[in-house]
């Protein structure tokens, strides 16, 4: 049961987390995955298929745009937030702050 709960929770947070990371600066896919893993101290270790599927969904919704850029000697697809993506990110962050605040109040009330 715990695994199912975590899996379902992860599905709901991957895209907002990606928007947050991408919102800081244009960044390419592998860097996004590394940054999520680093900041979460290894908790968010996304597979390539999970990461790129989510990035494609965000791009198809108009929340991120991508372009090929020369980085060192390789071309990589860099992602950045669109204006719509910035608006959605702000809304999602406000919702998450309310959610975590309410959750924390419940847990701390013991």
PDB file of N, CA and C in Angstrom:
ATOM      1  N   UNK A   1       0.812  -1.199   0.000  1.00  0.00           N
ATOM      2  CA  UNK A   1       0.000   0.000   0.000  1.00  0.00           C
ATOM      3  C   UNK A   1       0.853   1.261   0.000  1.00  0.00           C
ATOM      4  N   UNK A   2       1.917   1.293   0.799  1.00  0.00           N
ATOM      5  CA  UNK A   2       2.755   2.487   0.865  1.00  0.00           C
ATOM      6  C   UNK A   2       3.343   2.814  -0.506  1.00  0.00           C
ATOM      7  N   UNK A   3       3.761   1.787  -1.219  1.00  0.00           N
ATOM      8  CA  UNK A   3       4.347   2.015  -2.537  1.00  0.00           C
ATOM      9  C   UNK A   3       3.318   2.646  -3.472  1.00  0.00           C
ATOM     10  N   UNK A   4       2.091   2.174  -3.430  1.00  0.00           N
ATOM     11  CA  UNK A   4       1.040   2.729  -4.271  1.00  0.00           C
ATOM     12  C   UNK A   4       0.787   4.197  -3.925  1.00  0.00           C
ATOM     13  N   UNK A   5       0.749   4.511  -2.640  1.00  0.00           N
ATOM     14  CA  UNK A   5       0.521   5.885  -2.208  1.00  0.00           C
ATOM     15  C   UNK A   5       1.644   6.791  -2.695  1.00  0.00           C
ATOM     16  N   UNK A   6       2.891   6.351  -2.520  1.00  0.00           N
ATOM     17  CA  UNK A   6       4.033   7.159  -2.956  1.00  0.00           C
ATOM     18  C   UNK A   6       4.004   7.331  -4.468  1.00  0.00           C
ATOM     19  N   UNK A   7       3.693   6.258  -5.197  1.00  0.00           N
ATOM     20  CA  UNK A   7       3.638   6.337  -6.655  1.00  0.00           C
ATOM     21  C   UNK A   7       2.585   7.347  -7.097  1.00  0.00           C
ATOM     22  N   UNK A   8       1.414   7.291  -6.505  1.00  0.00           N
ATOM     23  CA  UNK A   8       0.343   8.225  -6.858  1.00  0.00           C
ATOM     24  C   UNK A   8       0.724   9.656  -6.489  1.00  0.00           C
ATOM     25  N   UNK A   9       1.366   9.829  -5.351  1.00  0.00           N
ATOM     26  CA  UNK A   9       1.800  11.166  -4.933  1.00  0.00           C
ATOM     27  C   UNK A   9       2.849  11.708  -5.896  1.00  0.00           C
ATOM     28  N   UNK A  10       3.769  10.863  -6.287  1.00  0.00           N
ATOM     29  CA  UNK A  10       4.833  11.276  -7.201  1.00  0.00           C
ATOM     30  C   UNK A  10       4.252  11.769  -8.520  1.00  0.00           C
ATOM     31  N   UNK A  11       3.239  11.069  -9.008  1.00  0.00           N
ATOM     32  CA  UNK A  11       2.615  11.488 -10.264  1.00  0.00           C
ATOM     33  C   UNK A  11       2.074  12.911 -10.163  1.00  0.00           C
ATOM     34  N   UNK A  12       1.608  13.301  -8.981  1.00  0.00           N
ATOM     35  CA  UNK A  12       1.042  14.630  -8.808  1.00  0.00           C
ATOM     36  C   UNK A  12       2.050  15.735  -8.579  1.00  0.00           C
ATOM     37  N   UNK A  13       3.294  15.382  -8.276  1.00  0.00           N
ATOM     38  CA  UNK A  13       4.278  16.420  -7.980  1.00  0.00           C
ATOM     39  C   UNK A  13       5.380  16.561  -9.022  1.00  0.00           C
ATOM     40  N   UNK A  14       5.527  15.587  -9.896  1.00  0.00           N
ATOM     41  CA  UNK A  14       6.627  15.651 -10.868  1.00  0.00           C
ATOM     42  C   UNK A  14       6.552  16.907 -11.725  1.00  0.00           C
ATOM     43  N   UNK A  15       5.413  17.175 -12.315  1.00  0.00           N
ATOM     44  CA  UNK A  15       5.322  18.317 -13.222  1.00  0.00           C
ATOM     45  C   UNK A  15       5.519  19.656 -12.516  1.00  0.00           C
ATOM     46  N   UNK A  16       4.896  19.895 -11.339  1.00  0.00           N
ATOM     47  CA  UNK A  16       5.199  21.158 -10.644  1.00  0.00           C
ATOM     48  C   UNK A  16       6.678  21.290 -10.266  1.00  0.00           C
ATOM     49  N   UNK A  17       7.307  20.186  -9.872  1.00  0.00           N
ATOM     50  CA  UNK A  17       8.733  20.248  -9.541  1.00  0.00           C
ATOM     51  C   UNK A  17       9.566  20.584 -10.772  1.00  0.00           C
ATOM     52  N   UNK A  18       9.205  20.006 -11.905  1.00  0.00           N
ATOM     53  CA  UNK A  18       9.916  20.327 -13.147  1.00  0.00           C
ATOM     54  C   UNK A  18       9.736  21.800 -13.501  1.00  0.00           C
ATOM     55  N   UNK A  19       8.512  22.297 -13.373  1.00  0.00           N
ATOM     56  CA  UNK A  19       8.272  23.714 -13.656  1.00  0.00           C
ATOM     57  C   UNK A  19       9.126  24.597 -12.751  1.00  0.00           C
ATOM     58  N   UNK A  20       9.220  24.226 -11.489  1.00  0.00           N
ATOM     59  CA  UNK A  20      10.010  25.021 -10.548  1.00  0.00           C
ATOM     60  C   UNK A  20      11.481  25.061 -10.960  1.00  0.00           C
ATOM     61  N   UNK A  21      12.046  23.904 -11.249  1.00  0.00           N
ATOM     62  CA  UNK A  21      13.461  23.843 -11.640  1.00  0.00           C
ATOM     63  C   UNK A  21      13.687  24.599 -12.949  1.00  0.00           C
ATOM     64  N   UNK A  22      12.838  24.367 -13.933  1.00  0.00           N
ATOM     65  CA  UNK A  22      12.993  25.029 -15.236  1.00  0.00           C
ATOM     66  C   UNK A  22      12.801  26.536 -15.095  1.00  0.00           C
ATOM     67  N   UNK A  23      11.960  26.956 -14.161  1.00  0.00           N
ATOM     68  CA  UNK A  23      11.690  28.377 -13.973  1.00  0.00           C
ATOM     69  C   UNK A  23      12.885  29.172 -13.489  1.00  0.00           C
ATOM     70  N   UNK A  24      13.866  28.499 -12.924  1.00  0.00           N
ATOM     71  CA  UNK A  24      15.045  29.211 -12.426  1.00  0.00           C
ATOM     72  C   UNK A  24      15.958  29.672 -13.546  1.00  0.00           C
ATOM     73  N   UNK A  25      16.109  28.858 -14.588  1.00  0.00           N
ATOM     74  CA  UNK A  25      16.918  29.211 -15.742  1.00  0.00           C
ATOM     75  C   UNK A  25      16.719  28.151 -16.813  1.00  0.00           C
ATOM     76  N   UNK A  26      16.955  28.495 -18.068  1.00  0.00           N
ATOM     77  CA  UNK A  26      16.872  27.463 -19.104  1.00  0.00           C
ATOM     78  C   UNK A  26      17.834  26.320 -18.771  1.00  0.00           C
ATOM     79  N   UNK A  27      17.370  25.098 -18.970  1.00  0.00           N
ATOM     80  CA  UNK A  27      18.128  23.944 -18.502  1.00  0.00           C
ATOM     81  C   UNK A  27      17.790  22.750 -19.385  1.00  0.00           C
ATOM     82  N   UNK A  28      18.725  21.836 -19.541  1.00  0.00           N
ATOM     83  CA  UNK A  28      18.451  20.656 -20.365  1.00  0.00           C
ATOM     84  C   UNK A  28      18.052  19.467 -19.490  1.00  0.00           C
ATOM     85  N   UNK A  29      17.459  18.462 -20.120  1.00  0.00           N
ATOM     86  CA  UNK A  29      16.821  17.358 -19.412  1.00  0.00           C
ATOM     87  C   UNK A  29      17.669  16.667 -18.371  1.00  0.00           C
ATOM     88  N   UNK A  30      18.868  16.261 -18.730  1.00  0.00           N
ATOM     89  CA  UNK A  30      19.718  15.540 -17.784  1.00  0.00           C
ATOM     90  C   UNK A  30      20.023  16.411 -16.566  1.00  0.00           C
ATOM     91  N   UNK A  31      20.245  17.691 -16.804  1.00  0.00           N
ATOM     92  CA  UNK A  31      20.502  18.630 -15.704  1.00  0.00           C
ATOM     93  C   UNK A  31      19.295  18.734 -14.773  1.00  0.00           C
ATOM     94  N   UNK A  32      18.099  18.715 -15.340  1.00  0.00           N
ATOM     95  CA  UNK A  32      16.879  18.779 -14.535  1.00  0.00           C
ATOM     96  C   UNK A  32      16.832  17.576 -13.602  1.00  0.00           C
ATOM     97  N   UNK A  33      17.055  16.388 -14.157  1.00  0.00           N
ATOM     98  CA  UNK A  33      17.020  15.162 -13.357  1.00  0.00           C
ATOM     99  C   UNK A  33      18.071  15.199 -12.248  1.00  0.00           C
ATOM    100  N   UNK A  34      19.268  15.638 -12.581  1.00  0.00           N
ATOM    101  CA  UNK A  34      20.345  15.722 -11.573  1.00  0.00           C
ATOM    102  C   UNK A  34      19.986  16.698 -10.466  1.00  0.00           C
ATOM    103  N   UNK A  35      19.418  17.827 -10.847  1.00  0.00           N
ATOM    104  CA  UNK A  35      19.073  18.859  -9.862  1.00  0.00           C
ATOM    105  C   UNK A  35      17.955  18.380  -8.939  1.00  0.00           C
ATOM    106  N   UNK A  36      16.936  17.710  -9.485  1.00  0.00           N
ATOM    107  CA  UNK A  36      15.878  17.153  -8.642  1.00  0.00           C
ATOM    108  C   UNK A  36      16.445  16.139  -7.654  1.00  0.00           C
ATOM    109  N   UNK A  37      17.316  15.276  -8.151  1.00  0.00           N
ATOM    110  CA  UNK A  37      17.912  14.264  -7.283  1.00  0.00           C
ATOM    111  C   UNK A  37      18.786  14.913  -6.197  1.00  0.00           C
ATOM    112  N   UNK A  38      19.578  15.898  -6.589  1.00  0.00           N
ATOM    113  CA  UNK A  38      20.468  16.566  -5.632  1.00  0.00           C
ATOM    114  C   UNK A  38      19.679  17.278  -4.534  1.00  0.00           C
ATOM    115  N   UNK A  39      18.683  18.071  -4.948  1.00  0.00           N
ATOM    116  CA  UNK A  39      17.918  18.852  -3.973  1.00  0.00           C
ATOM    117  C   UNK A  39      17.065  17.976  -3.055  1.00  0.00           C
ATOM    118  N   UNK A  40      16.640  16.825  -3.556  1.00  0.00           N
ATOM    119  CA  UNK A  40      15.817  15.936  -2.736  1.00  0.00           C
ATOM    120  C   UNK A  40      16.664  14.900  -1.997  1.00  0.00           C
ATOM    121  N   UNK A  41      17.977  15.062  -2.083  1.00  0.00           N
ATOM    122  CA  UNK A  41      18.921  14.136  -1.447  1.00  0.00           C
ATOM    123  C   UNK A  41      18.654  12.701  -1.890  1.00  0.00           C
ATOM    124  N   UNK A  42      18.407  12.549  -3.191  1.00  0.00           N
ATOM    125  CA  UNK A  42      18.237  11.241  -3.789  1.00  0.00           C
ATOM    126  C   UNK A  42      16.823  10.710  -3.820  1.00  0.00           C
ATOM    127  N   UNK A  43      15.884  11.393  -3.192  1.00  0.00           N
ATOM    128  CA  UNK A  43      14.508  10.884  -3.143  1.00  0.00           C
ATOM    129  C   UNK A  43      13.862  10.879  -4.525  1.00  0.00           C
ATOM    130  N   UNK A  44      14.032  11.960  -5.272  1.00  0.00           N
ATOM    131  CA  UNK A  44      13.472  12.043  -6.616  1.00  0.00           C
ATOM    132  C   UNK A  44      14.542  11.647  -7.621  1.00  0.00           C
ATOM    133  N   UNK A  45      14.567  10.381  -7.949  1.00  0.00           N
ATOM    134  CA  UNK A  45      15.510   9.817  -8.916  1.00  0.00           C
ATOM    135  C   UNK A  45      14.681   9.338 -10.097  1.00  0.00           C
ATOM    136  N   UNK A  46      14.338  10.265 -10.992  1.00  0.00           N
ATOM    137  CA  UNK A  46      13.428   9.963 -12.097  1.00  0.00           C
ATOM    138  C   UNK A  46      14.123   9.178 -13.197  1.00  0.00           C
ATOM    139  N   UNK A  47      13.383   8.246 -13.766  1.00  0.00           N
ATOM    140  CA  UNK A  47      13.900   7.563 -14.947  1.00  0.00           C
ATOM    141  C   UNK A  47      13.824   8.533 -16.120  1.00  0.00           C
ATOM    142  N   UNK A  48      14.604   8.245 -17.141  1.00  0.00           N
ATOM    143  CA  UNK A  48      14.592   9.100 -18.333  1.00  0.00           C
ATOM    144  C   UNK A  48      13.201   9.128 -18.958  1.00  0.00           C
ATOM    145  N   UNK A  49      12.529   7.986 -18.993  1.00  0.00           N
ATOM    146  CA  UNK A  49      11.204   7.963 -19.614  1.00  0.00           C
ATOM    147  C   UNK A  49      10.205   8.798 -18.823  1.00  0.00           C
ATOM    148  N   UNK A  50      10.263   8.758 -17.500  1.00  0.00           N
ATOM    149  CA  UNK A  50       9.377   9.581 -16.674  1.00  0.00           C
ATOM    150  C   UNK A  50       9.653  11.060 -16.921  1.00  0.00           C
ATOM    151  N   UNK A  51      10.921  11.423 -16.903  1.00  0.00           N
ATOM    152  CA  UNK A  51      11.311  12.821 -17.087  1.00  0.00           C
ATOM    153  C   UNK A  51      10.879  13.347 -18.449  1.00  0.00           C
ATOM    154  N   UNK A  52      11.240  12.647 -19.515  1.00  0.00           N
ATOM    155  CA  UNK A  52      10.965  13.170 -20.851  1.00  0.00           C
ATOM    156  C   UNK A  52       9.481  13.100 -21.207  1.00  0.00           C
ATOM    157  N   UNK A  53       8.767  12.134 -20.658  1.00  0.00           N
ATOM    158  CA  UNK A  53       7.311  12.107 -20.862  1.00  0.00           C
ATOM    159  C   UNK A  53       6.673  13.337 -20.222  1.00  0.00           C
ATOM    160  N   UNK A  54       7.107  13.656 -19.011  1.00  0.00           N
ATOM    161  CA  UNK A  54       6.564  14.833 -18.319  1.00  0.00           C
ATOM    162  C   UNK A  54       6.934  16.115 -19.063  1.00  0.00           C
ATOM    163  N   UNK A  55       8.168  16.206 -19.552  1.00  0.00           N
ATOM    164  CA  UNK A  55       8.576  17.396 -20.300  1.00  0.00           C
ATOM    165  C   UNK A  55       7.753  17.547 -21.572  1.00  0.00           C
ATOM    166  N   UNK A  56       7.479  16.453 -22.259  1.00  0.00           N
ATOM    167  CA  UNK A  56       6.642  16.527 -23.467  1.00  0.00           C
ATOM    168  C   UNK A  56       5.225  16.980 -23.126  1.00  0.00           C
ATOM    169  N   UNK A  57       4.683  16.483 -21.997  1.00  0.00           N
ATOM    170  CA  UNK A  57       3.339  16.914 -21.589  1.00  0.00           C
ATOM    171  C   UNK A  57       3.336  18.410 -21.292  1.00  0.00           C
ATOM    172  N   UNK A  58       4.352  18.883 -20.580  1.00  0.00           N
ATOM    173  CA  UNK A  58       4.433  20.314 -20.254  1.00  0.00           C
ATOM    174  C   UNK A  58       4.559  21.154 -21.524  1.00  0.00           C
ATOM    175  N   UNK A  59       5.321  20.661 -22.468  1.00  0.00           N
ATOM    176  CA  UNK A  59       5.495  21.400 -23.716  1.00  0.00           C
ATOM    177  C   UNK A  59       4.196  21.405 -24.520  1.00  0.00           C
ATOM    178  N   UNK A  60       3.502  20.274 -24.556  1.00  0.00           N
ATOM    179  CA  UNK A  60       2.250  20.219 -25.325  1.00  0.00           C
ATOM    180  C   UNK A  60       1.164  21.093 -24.700  1.00  0.00           C
ATOM    181  N   UNK A  61       1.248  21.329 -23.389  1.00  0.00           N
ATOM    182  CA  UNK A  61       0.297  22.211 -22.708  1.00  0.00           C
ATOM    183  C   UNK A  61       0.701  23.682 -22.813  1.00  0.00           C
ATOM    184  N   UNK A  62       1.848  23.951 -23.440  1.00  0.00           N
ATOM    185  CA  UNK A  62       2.298  25.331 -23.611  1.00  0.00           C
ATOM    186  C   UNK A  62       2.933  25.924 -22.368  1.00  0.00           C
ATOM    187  N   UNK A  63       3.373  25.078 -21.438  1.00  0.00           N
ATOM    188  CA  UNK A  63       3.955  25.576 -20.188  1.00  0.00           C
ATOM    189  C   UNK A  63       5.468  25.725 -20.270  1.00  0.00           C
ATOM    190  N   UNK A  64       6.098  24.952 -21.144  1.00  0.00           N
ATOM    191  CA  UNK A  64       7.528  25.090 -21.395  1.00  0.00           C
ATOM    192  C   UNK A  64       7.754  25.105 -22.898  1.00  0.00           C
ATOM    193  N   UNK A  65       8.854  25.684 -23.278  1.00  0.00           N
ATOM    194  CA  UNK A  65       9.281  25.622 -24.675  1.00  0.00           C
ATOM    195  C   UNK A  65      10.680  25.032 -24.677  1.00  0.00           C
ATOM    196  N   UNK A  66      11.071  24.502 -25.801  1.00  0.00           N
ATOM    197  CA  UNK A  66      12.412  23.911 -25.874  1.00  0.00           C
ATOM    198  C   UNK A  66      13.072  24.324 -27.179  1.00  0.00           C
ATOM    199  N   UNK A  67      14.383  24.296 -27.142  1.00  0.00           N
ATOM    200  CA  UNK A  67      15.159  24.592 -28.343  1.00  0.00           C
ATOM    201  C   UNK A  67      16.494  23.863 -28.222  1.00  0.00           C
ATOM    202  N   UNK A  68      17.056  23.557 -29.374  1.00  0.00           N
ATOM    203  CA  UNK A  68      18.363  22.906 -29.385  1.00  0.00           C
ATOM    204  C   UNK A  68      19.435  23.968 -29.199  1.00  0.00           C
ATOM    205  N   UNK A  69      20.371  23.690 -28.289  1.00  0.00           N
ATOM    206  CA  UNK A  69      21.463  24.625 -28.045  1.00  0.00           C
ATOM    207  C   UNK A  69      22.777  23.861 -27.997  1.00  0.00           C
ATOM    208  N   UNK A  70      23.817  24.533 -28.425  1.00  0.00           N
ATOM    209  CA  UNK A  70      25.152  23.949 -28.395  1.00  0.00           C
ATOM    210  C   UNK A  70      25.717  24.150 -26.988  1.00  0.00           C
ATOM    211  N   UNK A  71      25.983  23.046 -26.289  1.00  0.00           N
ATOM    212  CA  UNK A  71      26.567  23.096 -24.950  1.00  0.00           C
ATOM    213  C   UNK A  71      27.825  22.253 -25.015  1.00  0.00           C
ATOM    214  N   UNK A  72      28.970  22.925 -24.781  1.00  0.00           N
ATOM    215  CA  UNK A  72      30.269  22.294 -25.004  1.00  0.00           C
ATOM    216  C   UNK A  72      30.316  21.839 -26.459  1.00  0.00           C
ATOM    217  N   UNK A  73      30.515  20.549 -26.680  1.00  0.00           N
ATOM    218  CA  UNK A  73      30.597  20.052 -28.057  1.00  0.00           C
ATOM    219  C   UNK A  73      29.337  19.308 -28.468  1.00  0.00           C
ATOM    220  N   UNK A  74      28.305  19.358 -27.621  1.00  0.00           N
ATOM    221  CA  UNK A  74      27.081  18.617 -27.912  1.00  0.00           C
ATOM    222  C   UNK A  74      25.898  19.560 -28.055  1.00  0.00           C
ATOM    223  N   UNK A  75      24.942  19.116 -28.855  1.00  0.00           N
ATOM    224  CA  UNK A  75      23.675  19.833 -28.933  1.00  0.00           C
ATOM    225  C   UNK A  75      22.736  19.195 -27.930  1.00  0.00           C
ATOM    226  N   UNK A  76      22.060  20.027 -27.158  1.00  0.00           N
ATOM    227  CA  UNK A  76      21.104  19.532 -26.170  1.00  0.00           C
ATOM    228  C   UNK A  76      19.836  20.351 -26.241  1.00  0.00           C
ATOM    229  N   UNK A  77      18.732  19.679 -25.927  1.00  0.00           N
ATOM    230  CA  UNK A  77      17.439  20.367 -25.915  1.00  0.00           C
ATOM    231  C   UNK A  77      17.297  21.067 -24.569  1.00  0.00           C
ATOM    232  N   UNK A  78      17.217  22.394 -24.618  1.00  0.00           N
ATOM    233  CA  UNK A  78      17.067  23.191 -23.403  1.00  0.00           C
ATOM    234  C   UNK A  78      15.604  23.590 -23.239  1.00  0.00           C
ATOM    235  N   UNK A  79      15.167  23.577 -22.002  1.00  0.00           N
ATOM    236  CA  UNK A  79      13.777  23.886 -21.683  1.00  0.00           C
ATOM    237  C   UNK A  79      13.716  25.187 -20.894  1.00  0.00           C
ATOM    238  N   UNK A  80      12.675  25.973 -21.166  1.00  0.00           N
ATOM    239  CA  UNK A  80      12.427  27.173 -20.371  1.00  0.00           C
ATOM    240  C   UNK A  80      10.928  27.389 -20.256  1.00  0.00           C
ATOM    241  N   UNK A  81      10.549  28.096 -19.198  1.00  0.00           N
ATOM    242  CA  UNK A  81       9.126  28.352 -18.972  1.00  0.00           C
ATOM    243  C   UNK A  81       8.592  29.378 -19.944  1.00  0.00           C
ATOM    244  N   UNK A  82       7.371  29.169 -20.349  1.00  0.00           N
ATOM    245  CA  UNK A  82       6.648  30.180 -21.115  1.00  0.00           C
ATOM    246  C   UNK A  82       5.946  31.086 -20.098  1.00  0.00           C
ATOM    247  N   UNK A  83       5.348  32.136 -20.580  1.00  0.00           N
ATOM    248  CA  UNK A  83       4.590  33.011 -19.676  1.00  0.00           C
ATOM    249  C   UNK A  83       3.444  32.236 -19.023  1.00  0.00           C
ATOM    250  N   UNK A  84       2.775  31.425 -19.810  1.00  0.00           N
ATOM    251  CA  UNK A  84       1.703  30.584 -19.265  1.00  0.00           C
ATOM    252  C   UNK A  84       2.257  29.646 -18.187  1.00  0.00           C
ATOM    253  N   UNK A  85       3.444  29.096 -18.424  1.00  0.00           N
ATOM    254  CA  UNK A  85       4.088  28.219 -17.442  1.00  0.00           C
ATOM    255  C   UNK A  85       4.381  28.946 -16.142  1.00  0.00           C
ATOM    256  N   UNK A  86       4.811  30.203 -16.241  1.00  0.00           N
ATOM    257  CA  UNK A  86       5.084  31.003 -15.032  1.00  0.00           C
ATOM    258  C   UNK A  86       3.797  31.233 -14.233  1.00  0.00           C
ATOM    259  N   UNK A  87       2.710  31.496 -14.932  1.00  0.00           N
ATOM    260  CA  UNK A  87       1.421  31.703 -14.251  1.00  0.00           C
ATOM    261  C   UNK A  87       0.965  30.429 -13.556  1.00  0.00           C
ATOM    262  N   UNK A  88       1.043  29.305 -14.251  1.00  0.00           N
ATOM    263  CA  UNK A  88       0.634  28.025 -13.675  1.00  0.00           C
ATOM    264  C   UNK A  88       1.530  27.674 -12.497  1.00  0.00           C
ATOM    265  N   UNK A  89       2.827  27.908 -12.621  1.00  0.00           N
ATOM    266  CA  UNK A  89       3.752  27.625 -11.520  1.00  0.00           C
ATOM    267  C   UNK A  89       3.390  28.445 -10.289  1.00  0.00           C
ATOM    268  N   UNK A  90       3.099  29.725 -10.460  1.00  0.00           N
ATOM    269  CA  UNK A  90       2.713  30.571  -9.325  1.00  0.00           C
ATOM    270  C   UNK A  90       1.450  30.036  -8.656  1.00  0.00           C
ATOM    271  N   UNK A  91       0.472  29.635  -9.460  1.00  0.00           N
ATOM    272  CA  UNK A  91      -0.771  29.083  -8.908  1.00  0.00           C
ATOM    273  C   UNK A  91      -0.502  27.774  -8.160  1.00  0.00           C
ATOM    274  N   UNK A  92       0.310  26.909  -8.754  1.00  0.00           N
ATOM    275  CA  UNK A  92       0.603  25.616  -8.123  1.00  0.00           C
ATOM    276  C   UNK A  92       1.393  25.801  -6.838  1.00  0.00           C
ATOM    277  N   UNK A  93       2.340  26.735  -6.824  1.00  0.00           N
ATOM    278  CA  UNK A  93       3.107  26.981  -5.603  1.00  0.00           C
ATOM    279  C   UNK A  93       2.192  27.463  -4.475  1.00  0.00           C
ATOM    280  N   UNK A  94       1.249  28.332  -4.791  1.00  0.00           N
ATOM    281  CA  UNK A  94       0.305  28.816  -3.778  1.00  0.00           C
ATOM    282  C   UNK A  94      -0.527  27.655  -3.235  1.00  0.00           C
ATOM    283  N   UNK A  95      -0.976  26.766  -4.122  1.00  0.00           N
ATOM    284  CA  UNK A  95      -1.756  25.606  -3.678  1.00  0.00           C
ATOM    285  C   UNK A  95      -0.914  24.673  -2.822  1.00  0.00           C
ATOM    286  N   UNK A  96       0.347  24.442  -3.221  1.00  0.00           N
ATOM    287  CA  UNK A  96       1.219  23.570  -2.439  1.00  0.00           C
ATOM    288  C   UNK A  96       1.506  24.155  -1.062  1.00  0.00           C
ATOM    289  N   UNK A  97       1.703  25.445  -0.981  1.00  0.00           N
ATOM    290  CA  UNK A  97       1.963  26.061   0.320  1.00  0.00           C
ATOM    291  C   UNK A  97       0.775  25.882   1.253  1.00  0.00           C
ATOM    292  N   UNK A  98      -0.428  26.035   0.740  1.00  0.00           N
ATOM    293  CA  UNK A  98      -1.628  25.806   1.553  1.00  0.00           C
ATOM    294  C   UNK A  98      -1.719  24.344   1.970  1.00  0.00           C
ATOM    295  N   UNK A  99      -1.486  23.441   1.023  1.00  0.00           N
ATOM    296  CA  UNK A  99      -1.555  22.006   1.297  1.00  0.00           C
ATOM    297  C   UNK A  99      -0.546  21.597   2.372  1.00  0.00           C
ATOM    298  N   UNK A 100       0.702  21.997   2.196  1.00  0.00           N
ATOM    299  CA  UNK A 100       1.730  21.608   3.165  1.00  0.00           C
ATOM    300  C   UNK A 100       1.514  22.277   4.511  1.00  0.00           C
ATOM    301  N   UNK A 101       1.038  23.512   4.513  1.00  0.00           N
ATOM    302  CA  UNK A 101       0.735  24.184   5.774  1.00  0.00           C
ATOM    303  C   UNK A 101      -0.361  23.443   6.556  1.00  0.00           C
ATOM    304  N   UNK A 102      -1.420  23.041   5.852  1.00  0.00           N
ATOM    305  CA  UNK A 102      -2.502  22.307   6.503  1.00  0.00           C
ATOM    306  C   UNK A 102      -2.021  20.949   6.999  1.00  0.00           C
ATOM    307  N   UNK A 103      -1.220  20.263   6.175  1.00  0.00           N
ATOM    308  CA  UNK A 103      -0.680  18.958   6.572  1.00  0.00           C
ATOM    309  C   UNK A 103       0.206  19.094   7.789  1.00  0.00           C
ATOM    310  N   UNK A 104       1.047  20.093   7.790  1.00  0.00           N
ATOM    311  CA  UNK A 104       1.963  20.313   8.922  1.00  0.00           C
ATOM    312  C   UNK A 104       1.178  20.621  10.204  1.00  0.00           C
ATOM    313  N   UNK A 105       0.118  21.408  10.096  1.00  0.00           N
ATOM    314  CA  UNK A 105      -0.689  21.717  11.281  1.00  0.00           C
ATOM    315  C   UNK A 105      -1.321  20.450  11.854  1.00  0.00           C
ATOM    316  N   UNK A 106      -1.756  19.553  11.008  1.00  0.00           N
ATOM    317  CA  UNK A 106      -2.355  18.303  11.474  1.00  0.00           C
ATOM    318  C   UNK A 106      -1.296  17.437  12.165  1.00  0.00           C
ATOM    319  N   UNK A 107      -0.146  17.292  11.537  1.00  0.00           N
ATOM    320  CA  UNK A 107       0.901  16.451  12.103  1.00  0.00           C
ATOM    321  C   UNK A 107       1.445  17.047  13.390  1.00  0.00           C
ATOM    322  N   UNK A 108       1.630  18.351  13.427  1.00  0.00           N
ATOM    323  CA  UNK A 108       2.178  19.006  14.619  1.00  0.00           C
ATOM    324  C   UNK A 108       1.193  19.090  15.772  1.00  0.00           C
ATOM    325  N   UNK A 109      -0.088  18.806  15.542  1.00  0.00           N
ATOM    326  CA  UNK A 109      -1.083  18.954  16.603  1.00  0.00           C
ATOM    327  C   UNK A 109      -1.112  17.767  17.563  1.00  0.00           C
ATOM    328  N   UNK A 110      -0.284  16.772  17.304  1.00  0.00           N
ATOM    329  CA  UNK A 110      -0.289  15.585  18.167  1.00  0.00           C
ATOM    330  C   UNK A 110       0.298  15.877  19.527  1.00  0.00           C
TER     331      UNK A 110
END
